[in-house]
Amino acid sequence: MNIDGFLNYFDEVKDPRIDRSKKHLLSDILVISVLSFICGAETWNDIEDFGNANIDWLQEHLELNEGIPSHDTFARIFARINPKLFQECFVRLMRSWMDQTDGELIAIDGKTLRRSHDRKNGQGPLHLVSAWATKNRLSLGQMRTKNKSNEISAMKELLSLIDVKDCTVTIDAMGCQREIAKQIKASGGDYVLAVKGNQGNLYTGLIRLFEQAKELKYKAMVFSKKETVDGDHGRIETRNYTVLPLMYKFEYKKYWLGLECFIKVESKREVGERVSIESRYYISSLKADAEKLGEAIRGHWRIENSLHWCLDVVFHEDNSRIRTGHAPENIALLRRFALSLLGAEKTFKGGLRRKQRKALMDKTYLNLVLAGI
């Protein structure tokens, strides 16, 4: 088990306890917590139970001079660990994996942990903005924000932590901000940003641009086009991607650093006899290549399917009642770490839930999961 490889990245996490109350090593507590979440733990009692059930095996790798900590000990320590330092250590670890993934697509989006609120103490639910490497299925970092309306500042802070050089960053309409586009380009990355009514002049300008192009039937215009068709369970979705280069709205160049093109996506969704059509608009610093831009736009939604959905369905994050202090934020980080490790292990072809059970029952397989560290 590559425990040292894990702890080397977390050596800057400060132990929040005073010396006389340090019955258990912080390193032992961190390792047991990570292992238990890989194996499907959801509560403090689950972490303690995992430790007691595997104490003989754990003692081969950890000190555990005082046995397995109680569930209350785990709860107290994670409630007091500085989440900013914990996050920075996690980002360093993820960055070491990203060194091998130039050209990665990084999707940034927010998620609310609905049961993390504490009405008694006036604490609302935790809202996190996460960065997800869609090709390698790695959680690159998270940033806490008070609510969805504060996502912009959280995105800026998260972008300052992760390495986006040679990567393409995709963000929904909330993140379509000039400062964010500038920050991504200044860091050596590219962007694909969704445009909606929050960018009034830009949004209406793009609608008019593509309407005029359609009226002209794109005659004598420079453009790129791509159609994709997919479906399942009686649903057919046809997407038409049309990309126009900057030359048709060059005045936007002075507002958006690195801007290269404008994208319209027309989606036609057929379910039985019901047909719905929706148009969406984007701006990007990538060249006007409809195929590449279409892949980036479709790839953005993998953060919903591969991260948020898995956290709720496999790790039951939305139902977690961990609420005290910094614990919700710190444990959310452990879930994302466990998800990344399980996703990176490719020798076993089962889904995440089967991987969790296999890791719980088979220590050889658990070691394989940890080999990604």
Protein backbone atom coordinates (compact mmCIF):
# COMPACT_ATOMS: atom_id res chain seq x y z
CA MET A 1 0.00 0.00 0.00
CA ASN A 2 1.48 3.33 -1.12
CA ILE A 3 0.74 5.21 2.09
CA ASP A 4 3.91 7.32 1.93
CA GLY A 5 3.02 8.42 -1.59
CA PHE A 6 -0.29 9.75 -0.30
CA LEU A 7 1.02 11.38 2.87
CA ASN A 8 3.84 13.18 1.06
CA TYR A 9 1.22 15.42 -0.53
CA PHE A 10 -0.60 16.10 2.74
CA ASP A 11 2.32 16.86 5.03
CA GLU A 12 1.34 20.54 5.20
CA VAL A 13 -2.05 19.81 6.77
CA LYS A 14 -1.84 21.23 10.30
CA ASP A 15 -3.04 19.04 13.15
CA PRO A 16 -5.80 21.11 14.86
CA ARG A 17 -5.34 19.39 18.23
CA ILE A 18 -3.20 20.46 21.16
CA ASP A 19 -0.31 18.10 21.93
CA ARG A 20 -1.74 16.54 25.07
CA SER A 21 -4.89 15.43 23.21
CA LYS A 22 -3.06 13.73 20.33
CA LYS A 23 -3.91 10.14 21.14
CA HIS A 24 -3.88 9.11 17.46
CA LEU A 25 -1.57 10.25 14.68
CA LEU A 26 -3.16 12.64 12.17
CA SER A 27 -1.57 10.61 9.36
CA ASP A 28 -3.33 7.44 10.58
CA ILE A 29 -6.65 9.29 10.71
CA LEU A 30 -6.25 10.63 7.16
CA VAL A 31 -5.28 7.25 5.71
CA ILE A 32 -8.11 5.33 7.39
CA SER A 33 -10.59 7.96 6.19
CA VAL A 34 -9.40 7.80 2.58
CA LEU A 35 -9.45 3.99 2.56
CA SER A 36 -12.93 3.84 4.08
CA PHE A 37 -14.40 6.20 1.46
CA ILE A 38 -12.81 4.16 -1.31
CA CYS A 39 -14.61 1.17 0.20
CA GLY A 40 -18.00 2.90 0.46
CA ALA A 41 -18.08 4.64 3.86
CA GLU A 42 -20.61 7.47 4.25
CA THR A 43 -20.69 8.31 7.98
CA TRP A 44 -18.28 8.70 10.91
CA ASN A 45 -19.48 5.35 12.26
CA ASP A 46 -18.69 3.75 8.90
CA ILE A 47 -15.10 5.01 9.11
CA GLU A 48 -14.66 3.62 12.63
CA ASP A 49 -16.26 0.29 11.62
CA PHE A 50 -13.99 -0.01 8.59
CA GLY A 51 -10.96 0.56 10.80
CA ASN A 52 -11.99 -2.02 13.40
CA ALA A 53 -12.89 -4.61 10.73
CA ASN A 54 -9.45 -4.23 9.09
CA ILE A 55 -7.26 -3.42 12.09
CA ASP A 56 -4.84 -6.32 11.60
CA TRP A 57 -4.19 -5.34 7.99
CA LEU A 58 -3.97 -1.63 8.83
CA GLN A 59 -1.42 -2.29 11.59
CA GLU A 60 0.93 -3.63 8.92
CA HIS A 61 1.06 -0.14 7.38
CA LEU A 62 0.14 2.35 10.14
CA GLU A 63 1.28 2.89 13.72
CA LEU A 64 -2.14 2.74 15.44
CA ASN A 65 -0.50 2.68 18.87
CA GLU A 66 -3.88 3.39 20.49
CA GLY A 67 -5.99 1.27 18.17
CA ILE A 68 -8.67 2.67 15.85
CA PRO A 69 -9.94 6.19 16.67
CA SER A 70 -13.59 6.54 17.63
CA HIS A 71 -16.17 8.02 15.27
CA ASP A 72 -16.26 11.12 17.49
CA THR A 73 -12.51 11.59 17.00
CA PHE A 74 -12.85 11.48 13.22
CA ALA A 75 -15.74 13.96 13.39
CA ARG A 76 -13.91 16.43 15.66
CA ILE A 77 -10.70 16.45 13.64
CA PHE A 78 -12.30 16.88 10.21
CA ALA A 79 -14.50 19.65 11.60
CA ARG A 80 -11.34 21.56 12.58
CA ILE A 81 -8.86 20.82 9.76
CA ASN A 82 -8.20 23.97 7.73
CA PRO A 83 -10.07 23.29 4.46
CA LYS A 84 -7.91 25.71 2.48
CA LEU A 85 -4.68 23.87 3.35
CA PHE A 86 -6.40 20.52 2.82
CA GLN A 87 -7.56 21.68 -0.60
CA GLU A 88 -4.10 22.95 -1.61
CA CYS A 89 -2.56 19.57 -0.75
CA PHE A 90 -5.22 17.81 -2.79
CA VAL A 91 -4.64 20.10 -5.79
CA ARG A 92 -0.89 19.35 -5.69
CA LEU A 93 -1.63 15.65 -5.83
CA MET A 94 -4.06 16.03 -8.74
CA ARG A 95 -1.61 18.32 -10.53
CA SER A 96 1.01 15.55 -10.43
CA TRP A 97 -1.38 13.38 -12.41
CA MET A 98 -2.26 16.22 -14.79
CA ASP A 99 1.39 16.66 -15.81
CA GLN A 100 0.81 13.76 -18.20
CA THR A 101 -2.48 15.06 -19.66
CA ASP A 102 -1.75 18.06 -21.90
CA GLY A 103 -4.80 18.98 -23.96
CA GLU A 104 -7.21 17.91 -21.23
CA LEU A 105 -10.75 19.26 -21.18
CA ILE A 106 -11.52 20.81 -17.77
CA ALA A 107 -15.19 21.36 -16.93
CA ILE A 108 -16.06 23.75 -14.10
CA ASP A 109 -19.49 23.69 -12.48
CA GLY A 110 -21.24 24.09 -9.12
CA LYS A 111 -23.08 21.62 -6.87
CA THR A 112 -25.07 22.02 -3.66
CA LEU A 113 -24.84 19.41 -0.88
CA ARG A 114 -28.48 19.62 0.08
CA ARG A 115 -28.42 17.90 3.47
CA SER A 116 -25.34 19.72 4.75
CA HIS A 117 -27.40 22.61 6.17
CA ASP A 118 -27.59 23.14 9.94
CA ARG A 119 -30.70 25.20 10.73
CA LYS A 120 -30.02 25.11 14.45
CA ASN A 121 -26.78 27.05 13.97
CA GLY A 122 -27.99 29.14 11.04
CA GLN A 123 -25.79 27.31 8.53
CA GLY A 124 -27.09 26.93 4.96
CA PRO A 125 -26.24 24.01 2.67
CA LEU A 126 -22.69 23.80 1.36
CA HIS A 127 -22.25 24.87 -2.28
CA LEU A 128 -19.06 23.82 -4.06
CA VAL A 129 -17.57 24.75 -7.42
CA SER A 130 -15.61 21.81 -8.82
CA ALA A 131 -13.08 21.33 -11.63
CA TRP A 132 -13.29 17.98 -13.45
CA ALA A 133 -10.81 16.60 -16.00
CA THR A 134 -13.28 14.93 -18.34
CA LYS A 135 -10.96 12.67 -20.34
CA ASN A 136 -9.09 11.25 -17.35
CA ARG A 137 -12.07 11.42 -14.96
CA LEU A 138 -10.11 13.23 -12.26
CA SER A 139 -11.41 15.73 -9.73
CA LEU A 140 -8.85 18.55 -9.84
CA GLY A 141 -10.16 20.69 -6.99
CA GLN A 142 -13.13 22.37 -5.37
CA MET A 143 -13.93 25.78 -3.92
CA ARG A 144 -16.56 26.63 -1.35
CA THR A 145 -19.02 29.45 -1.98
CA LYS A 146 -21.88 30.79 0.12
CA ASN A 147 -24.47 30.07 -2.58
CA LYS A 148 -24.90 29.72 -6.33
CA SER A 149 -24.86 33.50 -6.86
CA ASN A 150 -21.28 33.64 -5.53
CA GLU A 151 -19.91 31.09 -8.00
CA ILE A 152 -17.95 33.65 -10.04
CA SER A 153 -15.48 34.54 -7.28
CA ALA A 154 -15.12 30.84 -6.41
CA MET A 155 -14.34 30.03 -10.05
CA LYS A 156 -11.60 32.67 -10.13
CA GLU A 157 -10.04 31.30 -6.95
CA LEU A 158 -10.25 27.71 -8.22
CA LEU A 159 -8.66 28.66 -11.54
CA SER A 160 -5.77 30.25 -9.65
CA LEU A 161 -5.11 26.90 -7.91
CA ILE A 162 -5.30 24.42 -10.79
CA ASP A 163 -3.00 24.22 -13.81
CA VAL A 164 -4.91 24.94 -17.05
CA LYS A 165 -1.88 25.34 -19.32
CA ASP A 166 -2.52 23.67 -22.70
CA CYS A 167 -6.01 22.69 -21.53
CA THR A 168 -9.49 23.81 -22.62
CA VAL A 169 -11.76 25.08 -19.83
CA THR A 170 -15.54 24.85 -20.27
CA ILE A 171 -17.95 26.78 -18.03
CA ASP A 172 -21.71 27.35 -18.15
CA ALA A 173 -23.30 30.79 -18.52
CA MET A 174 -22.61 31.81 -14.91
CA GLY A 175 -18.88 31.81 -15.69
CA CYS A 176 -19.16 33.76 -18.94
CA GLN A 177 -17.21 36.72 -17.56
CA ARG A 178 -14.45 38.76 -19.16
CA GLU A 179 -12.21 38.43 -16.10
CA ILE A 180 -12.52 34.64 -16.16
CA ALA A 181 -11.73 34.47 -19.89
CA LYS A 182 -8.70 36.70 -19.29
CA GLN A 183 -7.52 34.56 -16.37
CA ILE A 184 -7.74 31.34 -18.41
CA LYS A 185 -5.82 32.80 -21.37
CA ALA A 186 -3.21 34.40 -19.10
CA SER A 187 -2.65 30.96 -17.55
CA GLY A 188 -1.97 29.37 -20.94
CA GLY A 189 -5.35 27.72 -21.47
CA ASP A 190 -8.30 28.11 -23.83
CA TYR A 191 -11.97 28.58 -23.01
CA VAL A 192 -15.42 27.62 -24.24
CA LEU A 193 -18.02 29.71 -22.40
CA ALA A 194 -21.80 29.38 -22.64
CA VAL A 195 -23.61 32.66 -23.36
CA LYS A 196 -27.10 33.41 -22.03
CA GLY A 197 -29.11 36.41 -20.93
CA ASN A 198 -26.63 37.34 -18.18
CA GLN A 199 -24.46 38.70 -21.03
CA GLY A 200 -27.24 40.76 -22.58
CA ASN A 201 -25.45 42.61 -25.40
CA LEU A 202 -23.27 39.64 -26.31
CA TYR A 203 -26.24 37.26 -26.23
CA THR A 204 -28.49 39.37 -28.43
CA GLY A 205 -25.53 40.14 -30.70
CA LEU A 206 -24.89 36.43 -31.28
CA ILE A 207 -28.57 35.74 -31.97
CA ARG A 208 -28.64 38.50 -34.60
CA LEU A 209 -25.34 37.35 -36.13
CA PHE A 210 -26.55 33.79 -36.70
CA GLU A 211 -30.00 34.93 -37.87
CA GLN A 212 -28.38 37.14 -40.50
CA ALA A 213 -26.06 34.33 -41.56
CA LYS A 214 -29.03 31.98 -41.90
CA GLU A 215 -30.92 34.53 -44.02
CA LEU A 216 -27.90 34.71 -46.31
CA LYS A 217 -27.71 30.88 -46.26
CA TYR A 218 -24.07 31.38 -45.27
CA LYS A 219 -23.37 32.27 -48.89
CA ALA A 220 -19.77 33.48 -49.37
CA MET A 221 -19.25 33.24 -45.57
CA VAL A 222 -16.45 31.50 -43.73
CA PHE A 223 -17.94 28.98 -41.32
CA SER A 224 -17.59 25.47 -39.92
CA LYS A 225 -20.45 23.01 -39.41
CA LYS A 226 -20.91 19.62 -37.76
CA GLU A 227 -23.95 17.42 -37.06
CA THR A 228 -24.16 14.68 -34.45
CA VAL A 229 -26.99 12.22 -33.78
CA ASP A 230 -27.35 10.06 -30.70
CA GLY A 231 -30.09 8.52 -28.63
CA ASP A 232 -31.30 5.75 -26.36
CA HIS A 233 -34.53 4.45 -24.83
CA GLY A 234 -36.64 5.96 -27.61
CA ARG A 235 -34.92 9.35 -27.49
CA ILE A 236 -33.19 10.78 -30.57
CA GLU A 237 -31.14 13.96 -30.25
CA THR A 238 -29.71 15.75 -33.27
CA ARG A 239 -27.24 18.56 -32.66
CA ASN A 240 -26.07 20.99 -35.34
CA TYR A 241 -22.93 22.96 -34.48
CA THR A 242 -22.30 26.09 -36.54
CA VAL A 243 -19.15 28.13 -35.91
CA LEU A 244 -18.35 31.60 -37.22
CA PRO A 245 -14.88 33.14 -36.86
CA LEU A 246 -14.16 36.38 -35.03
CA MET A 247 -14.07 38.39 -38.28
CA TYR A 248 -17.89 38.70 -38.26
CA LYS A 249 -18.00 40.41 -34.86
CA PHE A 250 -14.45 41.67 -34.54
CA GLU A 251 -15.50 44.48 -32.14
CA TYR A 252 -15.82 41.88 -29.34
CA LYS A 253 -12.06 41.22 -29.54
CA LYS A 254 -11.33 44.18 -27.25
CA TYR A 255 -13.62 42.83 -24.53
CA TRP A 256 -12.71 39.12 -24.54
CA LEU A 257 -9.02 38.22 -24.40
CA GLY A 258 -8.08 35.62 -27.02
CA LEU A 259 -11.57 35.41 -28.53
CA GLU A 260 -11.54 33.50 -31.85
CA CYS A 261 -15.05 32.33 -32.69
CA PHE A 262 -18.79 32.18 -31.98
CA ILE A 263 -20.81 28.97 -31.78
CA LYS A 264 -24.48 28.15 -32.19
CA VAL A 265 -25.79 24.74 -31.19
CA GLU A 266 -29.26 23.80 -32.38
CA SER A 267 -30.56 20.72 -30.61
CA LYS A 268 -33.56 18.77 -31.85
CA ARG A 269 -34.88 16.27 -29.31
CA GLU A 270 -37.41 13.61 -30.34
CA VAL A 271 -39.16 11.41 -27.79
CA GLY A 272 -41.95 9.47 -29.48
CA GLU A 273 -44.15 12.07 -31.17
CA ARG A 274 -42.85 14.95 -29.04
CA VAL A 275 -40.27 17.17 -30.68
CA SER A 276 -38.46 20.09 -29.00
CA ILE A 277 -35.86 22.42 -30.49
CA GLU A 278 -33.42 24.54 -28.49
CA SER A 279 -30.65 26.91 -29.53
CA ARG A 280 -27.59 27.64 -27.38
CA TYR A 281 -24.68 30.01 -27.93
CA TYR A 282 -21.01 29.96 -26.94
CA ILE A 283 -17.81 31.94 -27.37
CA SER A 284 -14.34 30.39 -27.52
CA SER A 285 -10.66 31.16 -27.82
CA LEU A 286 -10.23 28.02 -29.95
CA LYS A 287 -10.08 28.17 -33.73
CA ALA A 288 -13.36 27.86 -35.65
CA ASP A 289 -13.48 24.06 -35.87
CA ALA A 290 -17.04 22.77 -35.35
CA GLU A 291 -15.95 19.19 -34.69
CA LYS A 292 -13.44 20.09 -31.96
CA LEU A 293 -15.74 22.67 -30.39
CA GLY A 294 -18.66 20.24 -30.44
CA GLU A 295 -16.57 17.70 -28.54
CA ALA A 296 -15.72 20.34 -25.93
CA ILE A 297 -19.35 21.41 -25.50
CA ARG A 298 -20.58 17.82 -25.17
CA GLY A 299 -17.66 17.01 -22.91
CA HIS A 300 -18.65 19.73 -20.45
CA TRP A 301 -21.70 17.77 -19.33
CA ARG A 302 -19.54 14.88 -18.22
CA ILE A 303 -19.05 16.80 -14.99
CA GLU A 304 -22.75 16.18 -14.33
CA ASN A 305 -22.69 12.50 -15.32
CA SER A 306 -19.21 11.44 -14.19
CA LEU A 307 -18.82 13.61 -11.08
CA HIS A 308 -22.05 15.05 -9.65
CA TRP A 309 -24.24 12.07 -10.53
CA CYS A 310 -21.69 9.58 -9.18
CA LEU A 311 -21.25 11.56 -5.96
CA ASP A 312 -25.00 11.45 -5.33
CA VAL A 313 -25.84 7.95 -6.57
CA VAL A 314 -22.69 6.05 -5.52
CA PHE A 315 -21.39 8.10 -2.57
CA HIS A 316 -24.83 9.44 -1.51
CA GLU A 317 -23.38 12.92 -1.07
CA ASP A 318 -26.73 14.70 -1.31
CA ASN A 319 -28.01 12.68 1.66
CA SER A 320 -24.96 13.15 3.85
CA ARG A 321 -25.73 14.71 7.23
CA ILE A 322 -22.12 15.60 8.02
CA ARG A 323 -22.58 19.26 9.00
CA THR A 324 -20.27 20.42 11.77
CA GLY A 325 -17.54 23.00 11.21
CA HIS A 326 -15.30 22.39 8.19
CA ALA A 327 -16.22 18.70 8.02
CA PRO A 328 -18.69 18.92 5.07
CA GLU A 329 -16.08 20.62 2.89
CA ASN A 330 -13.20 18.35 3.94
CA ILE A 331 -15.22 15.15 3.51
CA ALA A 332 -16.49 16.34 0.11
CA LEU A 333 -12.83 16.52 -0.89
CA LEU A 334 -12.24 12.94 0.28
CA ARG A 335 -15.23 11.72 -1.73
CA ARG A 336 -13.84 13.35 -4.88
CA PHE A 337 -10.43 11.87 -4.20
CA ALA A 338 -11.89 8.38 -3.69
CA LEU A 339 -13.96 8.77 -6.88
CA SER A 340 -10.85 9.78 -8.85
CA LEU A 341 -8.85 6.80 -7.57
CA LEU A 342 -11.64 4.32 -8.32
CA GLY A 343 -12.16 5.80 -11.78
CA ALA A 344 -8.44 5.67 -12.57
CA GLU A 345 -8.24 1.92 -11.79
CA LYS A 346 -8.89 0.17 -15.12
CA THR A 347 -8.09 -3.51 -14.54
CA PHE A 348 -11.54 -4.29 -13.10
CA LYS A 349 -14.35 -3.48 -15.55
CA GLY A 350 -17.17 -3.12 -13.04
CA GLY A 351 -18.91 0.12 -12.13
CA LEU A 352 -17.94 2.34 -9.21
CA ARG A 353 -20.19 0.61 -6.70
CA ARG A 354 -18.78 -2.82 -7.60
CA LYS A 355 -15.27 -1.38 -7.35
CA GLN A 356 -16.05 -0.12 -3.85
CA ARG A 357 -17.29 -3.55 -2.74
CA LYS A 358 -14.34 -5.32 -4.35
CA ALA A 359 -11.90 -2.95 -2.60
CA LEU A 360 -13.66 -3.63 0.70
CA MET A 361 -13.45 -7.41 0.31
CA ASP A 362 -10.14 -7.76 -1.55
CA LYS A 363 -7.08 -5.99 -0.14
CA THR A 364 -5.06 -6.89 -3.24
CA TYR A 365 -7.52 -4.91 -5.31
CA LEU A 366 -7.53 -2.05 -2.77
CA ASN A 367 -3.77 -1.85 -3.23
CA LEU A 368 -4.32 -1.63 -6.99
CA VAL A 369 -6.67 1.33 -6.48
CA LEU A 370 -4.08 3.02 -4.27
CA ALA A 371 -1.36 2.43 -6.85
CA GLY A 372 -2.70 5.51 -8.67
CA ILE A 373 -1.37 7.77 -5.92
